[in-house]
């Protein structure tokens, strides 16, 4: 489990604010099927919210830690019955690292320059 910098944690909390809980944990607690569903959601979304029903306050922290260690994700926020989890998607990280950096023009394009470029592209076709 990796630790987040305060600025990263703040950004993730802000991003999770509008999310709805995707997994609910209630009577039977943390079963293998629930863990598999949380893992599936983390692979799909990276940042998810969980809702807990009928779990005592002391048990919530232990449950939160158990989920994080089992799925190697990061605990972002725990407010009442809501838990926010984050795990970086390895596919997205590999795509971002392998993508070449785009070059930017030093000077802004004027209307005449833009028109000349589109004419040149049209002539090539």
N, C-alpha and C. Protein backbone atom coordinates (compact mmCIF):
# COMPACT_ATOMS: atom_id res chain seq x y z
N UNK A 1 0.85 -1.18 0.00
CA UNK A 1 0.00 0.00 0.00
C UNK A 1 0.89 1.24 0.00
N UNK A 2 0.65 2.13 -0.93
CA UNK A 2 1.44 3.34 -1.01
C UNK A 2 0.76 4.47 -0.26
N UNK A 3 1.55 5.43 0.13
CA UNK A 3 1.03 6.60 0.81
C UNK A 3 0.83 7.72 -0.20
N UNK A 4 -0.14 8.53 0.05
CA UNK A 4 -0.44 9.67 -0.82
C UNK A 4 0.07 10.95 -0.19
N UNK A 5 0.52 11.85 -1.04
CA UNK A 5 0.88 13.18 -0.57
C UNK A 5 -0.41 13.93 -0.24
N UNK A 6 -0.36 14.89 0.65
CA UNK A 6 -1.57 15.63 1.01
C UNK A 6 -2.27 16.28 -0.19
N UNK A 7 -1.49 16.76 -1.15
CA UNK A 7 -2.13 17.39 -2.32
C UNK A 7 -2.84 16.34 -3.18
N UNK A 8 -2.24 15.15 -3.31
CA UNK A 8 -2.89 14.08 -4.06
C UNK A 8 -4.17 13.63 -3.36
N UNK A 9 -4.10 13.47 -2.05
CA UNK A 9 -5.27 13.06 -1.28
C UNK A 9 -6.39 14.09 -1.41
N UNK A 10 -6.04 15.36 -1.35
CA UNK A 10 -7.03 16.43 -1.48
C UNK A 10 -7.70 16.39 -2.86
N UNK A 11 -6.90 16.17 -3.90
CA UNK A 11 -7.45 16.10 -5.26
C UNK A 11 -8.36 14.88 -5.42
N UNK A 12 -7.98 13.75 -4.84
CA UNK A 12 -8.82 12.56 -4.93
C UNK A 12 -10.11 12.71 -4.14
N UNK A 13 -10.03 13.35 -2.99
CA UNK A 13 -11.26 13.60 -2.22
C UNK A 13 -12.21 14.49 -3.00
N UNK A 14 -11.67 15.50 -3.67
CA UNK A 14 -12.51 16.40 -4.48
C UNK A 14 -13.12 15.65 -5.65
N UNK A 15 -12.35 14.77 -6.27
CA UNK A 15 -12.86 14.01 -7.41
C UNK A 15 -13.93 13.00 -6.97
N UNK A 16 -13.81 12.49 -5.76
CA UNK A 16 -14.76 11.48 -5.26
C UNK A 16 -16.03 12.10 -4.71
N UNK A 17 -16.05 13.40 -4.53
CA UNK A 17 -17.19 14.05 -3.90
C UNK A 17 -18.50 13.75 -4.63
N UNK A 18 -18.50 13.80 -5.93
CA UNK A 18 -19.74 13.62 -6.69
C UNK A 18 -20.05 12.17 -7.01
N UNK A 19 -19.16 11.23 -6.66
CA UNK A 19 -19.38 9.82 -6.97
C UNK A 19 -20.45 9.21 -6.08
N UNK A 20 -21.15 8.25 -6.64
CA UNK A 20 -22.10 7.45 -5.86
C UNK A 20 -21.39 6.17 -5.43
N UNK A 21 -21.79 5.59 -4.30
CA UNK A 21 -21.17 4.33 -3.87
C UNK A 21 -21.44 3.23 -4.89
N UNK A 22 -20.42 2.46 -5.24
CA UNK A 22 -20.56 1.39 -6.23
C UNK A 22 -20.67 0.02 -5.57
N UNK A 23 -20.24 -0.11 -4.33
CA UNK A 23 -20.32 -1.37 -3.60
C UNK A 23 -20.87 -1.09 -2.21
N UNK A 24 -21.76 -1.97 -1.76
CA UNK A 24 -22.31 -1.86 -0.41
C UNK A 24 -21.93 -3.10 0.38
N UNK A 25 -21.53 -2.88 1.61
CA UNK A 25 -21.17 -3.98 2.50
C UNK A 25 -22.13 -3.94 3.67
N UNK A 26 -22.82 -5.07 3.93
CA UNK A 26 -23.79 -5.06 5.02
C UNK A 26 -23.66 -6.31 5.88
N UNK A 27 -24.73 -7.04 6.08
CA UNK A 27 -24.85 -8.11 7.07
C UNK A 27 -23.73 -9.13 7.06
N UNK A 28 -23.39 -9.67 5.91
CA UNK A 28 -22.40 -10.74 5.85
C UNK A 28 -20.97 -10.24 5.87
N UNK A 29 -20.78 -8.94 5.83
CA UNK A 29 -19.44 -8.38 5.94
C UNK A 29 -18.63 -8.51 4.67
N UNK A 30 -17.34 -8.64 4.84
CA UNK A 30 -16.40 -8.67 3.72
C UNK A 30 -16.20 -10.13 3.26
N UNK A 31 -16.96 -10.54 2.27
CA UNK A 31 -16.86 -11.89 1.72
C UNK A 31 -15.94 -11.86 0.51
N UNK A 32 -15.48 -13.01 0.04
CA UNK A 32 -14.64 -13.04 -1.17
C UNK A 32 -15.31 -12.44 -2.39
N UNK A 33 -16.62 -12.62 -2.50
CA UNK A 33 -17.33 -12.04 -3.65
C UNK A 33 -17.36 -10.51 -3.58
N UNK A 34 -17.48 -9.98 -2.37
CA UNK A 34 -17.46 -8.53 -2.20
C UNK A 34 -16.07 -7.99 -2.53
N UNK A 35 -15.03 -8.69 -2.08
CA UNK A 35 -13.66 -8.28 -2.41
C UNK A 35 -13.42 -8.32 -3.91
N UNK A 36 -13.95 -9.34 -4.57
CA UNK A 36 -13.80 -9.45 -6.02
C UNK A 36 -14.51 -8.30 -6.73
N UNK A 37 -15.67 -7.91 -6.24
CA UNK A 37 -16.42 -6.80 -6.84
C UNK A 37 -15.69 -5.47 -6.63
N UNK A 38 -15.12 -5.27 -5.45
CA UNK A 38 -14.35 -4.05 -5.18
C UNK A 38 -13.14 -4.01 -6.10
N UNK A 39 -12.46 -5.15 -6.27
CA UNK A 39 -11.30 -5.22 -7.16
C UNK A 39 -11.70 -4.90 -8.60
N UNK A 40 -12.82 -5.45 -9.04
CA UNK A 40 -13.31 -5.19 -10.40
C UNK A 40 -13.62 -3.70 -10.58
N UNK A 41 -14.25 -3.09 -9.61
CA UNK A 41 -14.57 -1.66 -9.70
C UNK A 41 -13.31 -0.79 -9.69
N UNK A 42 -12.32 -1.17 -8.89
CA UNK A 42 -11.06 -0.41 -8.87
C UNK A 42 -10.34 -0.51 -10.20
N UNK A 43 -10.40 -1.68 -10.85
CA UNK A 43 -9.77 -1.83 -12.17
C UNK A 43 -10.48 -0.95 -13.19
N UNK A 44 -11.78 -0.83 -13.06
CA UNK A 44 -12.56 -0.07 -14.04
C UNK A 44 -12.50 1.43 -13.79
N UNK A 45 -12.50 1.85 -12.53
CA UNK A 45 -12.67 3.27 -12.23
C UNK A 45 -11.50 3.94 -11.50
N UNK A 46 -10.63 3.21 -10.89
CA UNK A 46 -9.51 3.71 -10.08
C UNK A 46 -9.96 4.32 -8.76
N UNK A 47 -10.99 5.12 -8.76
CA UNK A 47 -11.45 5.82 -7.56
C UNK A 47 -12.90 5.42 -7.32
N UNK A 48 -13.18 4.81 -6.16
CA UNK A 48 -14.54 4.34 -5.89
C UNK A 48 -14.96 4.70 -4.46
N UNK A 49 -16.28 4.67 -4.26
CA UNK A 49 -16.86 4.86 -2.94
C UNK A 49 -17.56 3.58 -2.52
N UNK A 50 -17.44 3.24 -1.24
CA UNK A 50 -18.13 2.10 -0.66
C UNK A 50 -19.07 2.61 0.42
N UNK A 51 -20.21 1.93 0.57
CA UNK A 51 -21.13 2.26 1.66
C UNK A 51 -21.24 1.06 2.58
N UNK A 52 -21.17 1.32 3.88
CA UNK A 52 -21.27 0.28 4.88
C UNK A 52 -22.61 0.39 5.59
N UNK A 53 -23.28 -0.74 5.78
CA UNK A 53 -24.57 -0.78 6.47
C UNK A 53 -24.45 -1.67 7.69
N UNK A 54 -24.85 -1.18 8.84
CA UNK A 54 -24.93 -1.99 10.05
C UNK A 54 -23.60 -2.46 10.61
N UNK A 55 -22.54 -1.74 10.35
CA UNK A 55 -21.23 -2.11 10.87
C UNK A 55 -20.83 -1.08 11.92
N UNK A 56 -20.43 -1.55 13.08
CA UNK A 56 -20.10 -0.66 14.19
C UNK A 56 -18.88 0.21 13.86
N UNK A 57 -18.79 1.31 14.54
CA UNK A 57 -17.75 2.31 14.29
C UNK A 57 -16.34 1.74 14.42
N UNK A 58 -16.09 0.93 15.45
CA UNK A 58 -14.75 0.38 15.66
C UNK A 58 -14.38 -0.62 14.56
N UNK A 59 -15.36 -1.34 14.08
CA UNK A 59 -15.11 -2.36 13.06
C UNK A 59 -14.87 -1.74 11.68
N UNK A 60 -15.35 -0.53 11.45
CA UNK A 60 -15.18 0.13 10.15
C UNK A 60 -13.71 0.37 9.83
N UNK A 61 -12.96 0.86 10.80
CA UNK A 61 -11.53 1.12 10.57
C UNK A 61 -10.78 -0.17 10.25
N UNK A 62 -11.09 -1.23 10.98
CA UNK A 62 -10.44 -2.53 10.72
C UNK A 62 -10.82 -3.05 9.34
N UNK A 63 -12.07 -2.88 8.97
CA UNK A 63 -12.55 -3.31 7.65
C UNK A 63 -11.86 -2.52 6.55
N UNK A 64 -11.73 -1.22 6.75
CA UNK A 64 -11.07 -0.34 5.78
C UNK A 64 -9.62 -0.78 5.57
N UNK A 65 -8.91 -1.05 6.66
CA UNK A 65 -7.52 -1.48 6.57
C UNK A 65 -7.41 -2.86 5.91
N UNK A 66 -8.35 -3.74 6.21
CA UNK A 66 -8.33 -5.08 5.62
C UNK A 66 -8.54 -5.02 4.10
N UNK A 67 -9.45 -4.18 3.64
CA UNK A 67 -9.68 -4.02 2.21
C UNK A 67 -8.43 -3.47 1.53
N UNK A 68 -7.83 -2.47 2.14
CA UNK A 68 -6.65 -1.85 1.54
C UNK A 68 -5.48 -2.82 1.43
N UNK A 69 -5.27 -3.63 2.44
CA UNK A 69 -4.15 -4.58 2.37
C UNK A 69 -4.45 -5.73 1.41
N UNK A 70 -5.69 -6.19 1.37
CA UNK A 70 -6.04 -7.31 0.50
C UNK A 70 -5.98 -6.93 -0.97
N UNK A 71 -6.35 -5.69 -1.31
CA UNK A 71 -6.42 -5.28 -2.71
C UNK A 71 -5.30 -4.32 -3.11
N UNK A 72 -4.38 -4.06 -2.21
CA UNK A 72 -3.27 -3.11 -2.42
C UNK A 72 -3.76 -1.79 -3.01
N UNK A 73 -4.72 -1.21 -2.33
CA UNK A 73 -5.24 0.10 -2.72
C UNK A 73 -4.97 1.09 -1.59
N UNK A 74 -5.29 2.34 -1.82
CA UNK A 74 -4.99 3.40 -0.86
C UNK A 74 -6.30 3.92 -0.27
N UNK A 75 -6.30 4.09 1.04
CA UNK A 75 -7.44 4.68 1.73
C UNK A 75 -7.39 6.19 1.55
N UNK A 76 -8.38 6.74 0.89
CA UNK A 76 -8.41 8.17 0.63
C UNK A 76 -9.18 8.89 1.71
N UNK A 77 -10.37 8.38 2.04
CA UNK A 77 -11.23 9.09 2.99
C UNK A 77 -12.18 8.11 3.66
N UNK A 78 -12.49 8.38 4.93
CA UNK A 78 -13.46 7.59 5.68
C UNK A 78 -14.32 8.57 6.47
N UNK A 79 -15.55 8.73 6.02
CA UNK A 79 -16.49 9.60 6.71
C UNK A 79 -17.73 8.80 7.02
N UNK A 80 -17.99 8.55 8.28
CA UNK A 80 -19.17 7.81 8.68
C UNK A 80 -19.22 6.44 8.03
N UNK A 81 -20.28 6.20 7.25
CA UNK A 81 -20.46 4.92 6.59
C UNK A 81 -19.91 4.89 5.17
N UNK A 82 -19.21 5.92 4.75
CA UNK A 82 -18.65 5.98 3.41
C UNK A 82 -17.14 5.82 3.44
N UNK A 83 -16.63 4.99 2.54
CA UNK A 83 -15.20 4.80 2.39
C UNK A 83 -14.83 5.14 0.95
N UNK A 84 -13.71 5.82 0.77
CA UNK A 84 -13.23 6.14 -0.57
C UNK A 84 -11.88 5.45 -0.75
N UNK A 85 -11.77 4.68 -1.85
CA UNK A 85 -10.56 3.92 -2.16
C UNK A 85 -10.02 4.34 -3.51
N UNK A 86 -8.68 4.25 -3.65
CA UNK A 86 -8.03 4.57 -4.92
C UNK A 86 -6.91 3.58 -5.17
N UNK A 87 -6.83 3.13 -6.41
CA UNK A 87 -5.71 2.31 -6.85
C UNK A 87 -5.42 2.68 -8.30
N UNK A 88 -4.16 3.02 -8.56
CA UNK A 88 -3.78 3.42 -9.91
C UNK A 88 -3.92 2.24 -10.86
N UNK A 89 -4.51 2.50 -12.00
CA UNK A 89 -4.68 1.46 -13.01
C UNK A 89 -3.36 1.31 -13.76
N UNK A 90 -2.74 0.15 -13.73
CA UNK A 90 -1.42 -0.01 -14.37
C UNK A 90 -1.47 0.21 -15.88
N UNK A 91 -2.58 -0.09 -16.54
CA UNK A 91 -2.68 0.14 -17.98
C UNK A 91 -2.60 1.63 -18.29
N UNK A 92 -3.31 2.45 -17.52
CA UNK A 92 -3.29 3.89 -17.76
C UNK A 92 -1.91 4.49 -17.53
N UNK A 93 -1.21 4.00 -16.52
CA UNK A 93 0.13 4.52 -16.23
C UNK A 93 1.09 4.16 -17.36
N UNK A 94 0.97 2.95 -17.90
CA UNK A 94 1.84 2.52 -19.00
C UNK A 94 1.56 3.33 -20.27
N UNK A 95 0.31 3.63 -20.52
CA UNK A 95 -0.06 4.41 -21.70
C UNK A 95 0.49 5.82 -21.58
N UNK A 96 0.37 6.42 -20.41
CA UNK A 96 0.86 7.79 -20.23
C UNK A 96 2.37 7.85 -20.33
N UNK A 97 3.08 6.84 -19.84
CA UNK A 97 4.54 6.85 -19.90
C UNK A 97 5.03 6.62 -21.32
N UNK A 98 4.33 5.79 -22.08
CA UNK A 98 4.79 5.47 -23.43
C UNK A 98 4.35 6.49 -24.47
N UNK A 99 3.39 7.32 -24.16
CA UNK A 99 2.90 8.30 -25.13
C UNK A 99 3.96 9.39 -25.33
N UNK A 100 4.27 9.72 -26.58
CA UNK A 100 5.26 10.77 -26.82
C UNK A 100 4.70 12.14 -26.45
N UNK A 101 5.58 12.98 -26.01
CA UNK A 101 5.17 14.34 -25.65
C UNK A 101 4.87 15.12 -26.92
N UNK A 102 3.80 15.88 -26.90
CA UNK A 102 3.43 16.67 -28.07
C UNK A 102 4.19 17.98 -28.05
N UNK A 103 4.61 18.38 -29.23
CA UNK A 103 5.32 19.64 -29.33
C UNK A 103 4.32 20.76 -29.47
N UNK A 104 4.66 21.87 -28.90
CA UNK A 104 3.80 23.05 -29.00
C UNK A 104 4.53 24.09 -29.82
N UNK A 105 3.78 24.81 -30.57
CA UNK A 105 4.37 25.90 -31.34
C UNK A 105 4.80 27.01 -30.40
N UNK A 106 5.93 27.62 -30.71
CA UNK A 106 6.45 28.68 -29.86
C UNK A 106 5.56 29.93 -29.96
N UNK A 107 5.13 30.24 -31.17
CA UNK A 107 4.30 31.44 -31.36
C UNK A 107 2.86 31.03 -31.60
N UNK A 108 1.92 31.84 -31.14
CA UNK A 108 0.52 31.52 -31.40
C UNK A 108 0.21 31.68 -32.89
N UNK A 109 -0.76 30.91 -33.35
CA UNK A 109 -1.12 30.93 -34.76
C UNK A 109 -2.12 32.07 -35.00
N UNK A 110 -1.83 32.88 -36.03
CA UNK A 110 -2.77 33.94 -36.40
C UNK A 110 -3.79 33.37 -37.39
N UNK A 111 -4.81 34.14 -37.70
CA UNK A 111 -5.83 33.69 -38.64
C UNK A 111 -5.23 33.42 -40.01
N UNK A 112 -4.32 34.27 -40.46
CA UNK A 112 -3.70 34.09 -41.77
C UNK A 112 -2.85 32.81 -41.79
N UNK A 113 -2.10 32.57 -40.70
CA UNK A 113 -1.28 31.37 -40.63
C UNK A 113 -2.14 30.11 -40.62
N UNK A 114 -3.24 30.14 -39.89
CA UNK A 114 -4.14 29.00 -39.84
C UNK A 114 -4.75 28.73 -41.20
N UNK A 115 -5.15 29.79 -41.90
CA UNK A 115 -5.73 29.63 -43.23
C UNK A 115 -4.70 29.06 -44.21
N UNK A 116 -3.46 29.53 -44.12
CA UNK A 116 -2.41 29.02 -45.00
C UNK A 116 -2.14 27.54 -44.72
N UNK A 117 -2.17 27.14 -43.47
CA UNK A 117 -1.95 25.73 -43.13
C UNK A 117 -3.08 24.84 -43.65
N UNK A 118 -4.31 25.28 -43.52
CA UNK A 118 -5.43 24.47 -44.01
C UNK A 118 -5.38 24.39 -45.55
N UNK A 119 -4.99 25.46 -46.20
CA UNK A 119 -4.86 25.41 -47.67
C UNK A 119 -3.77 24.41 -48.08
N UNK A 120 -2.65 24.44 -47.37
CA UNK A 120 -1.55 23.54 -47.66
C UNK A 120 -1.98 22.09 -47.44
N UNK A 121 -2.75 21.80 -46.38
CA UNK A 121 -3.24 20.46 -46.14
C UNK A 121 -4.21 20.01 -47.24
N UNK A 122 -5.08 20.94 -47.67
CA UNK A 122 -6.04 20.61 -48.71
C UNK A 122 -5.36 20.33 -50.04
N UNK A 123 -4.28 21.03 -50.34
CA UNK A 123 -3.54 20.81 -51.58
C UNK A 123 -2.88 19.44 -51.58
N UNK A 124 -2.44 18.98 -50.43
CA UNK A 124 -1.77 17.68 -50.33
C UNK A 124 -2.74 16.54 -50.57
N UNK A 125 -4.00 16.73 -50.28
CA UNK A 125 -5.02 15.68 -50.45
C UNK A 125 -5.36 15.57 -51.87
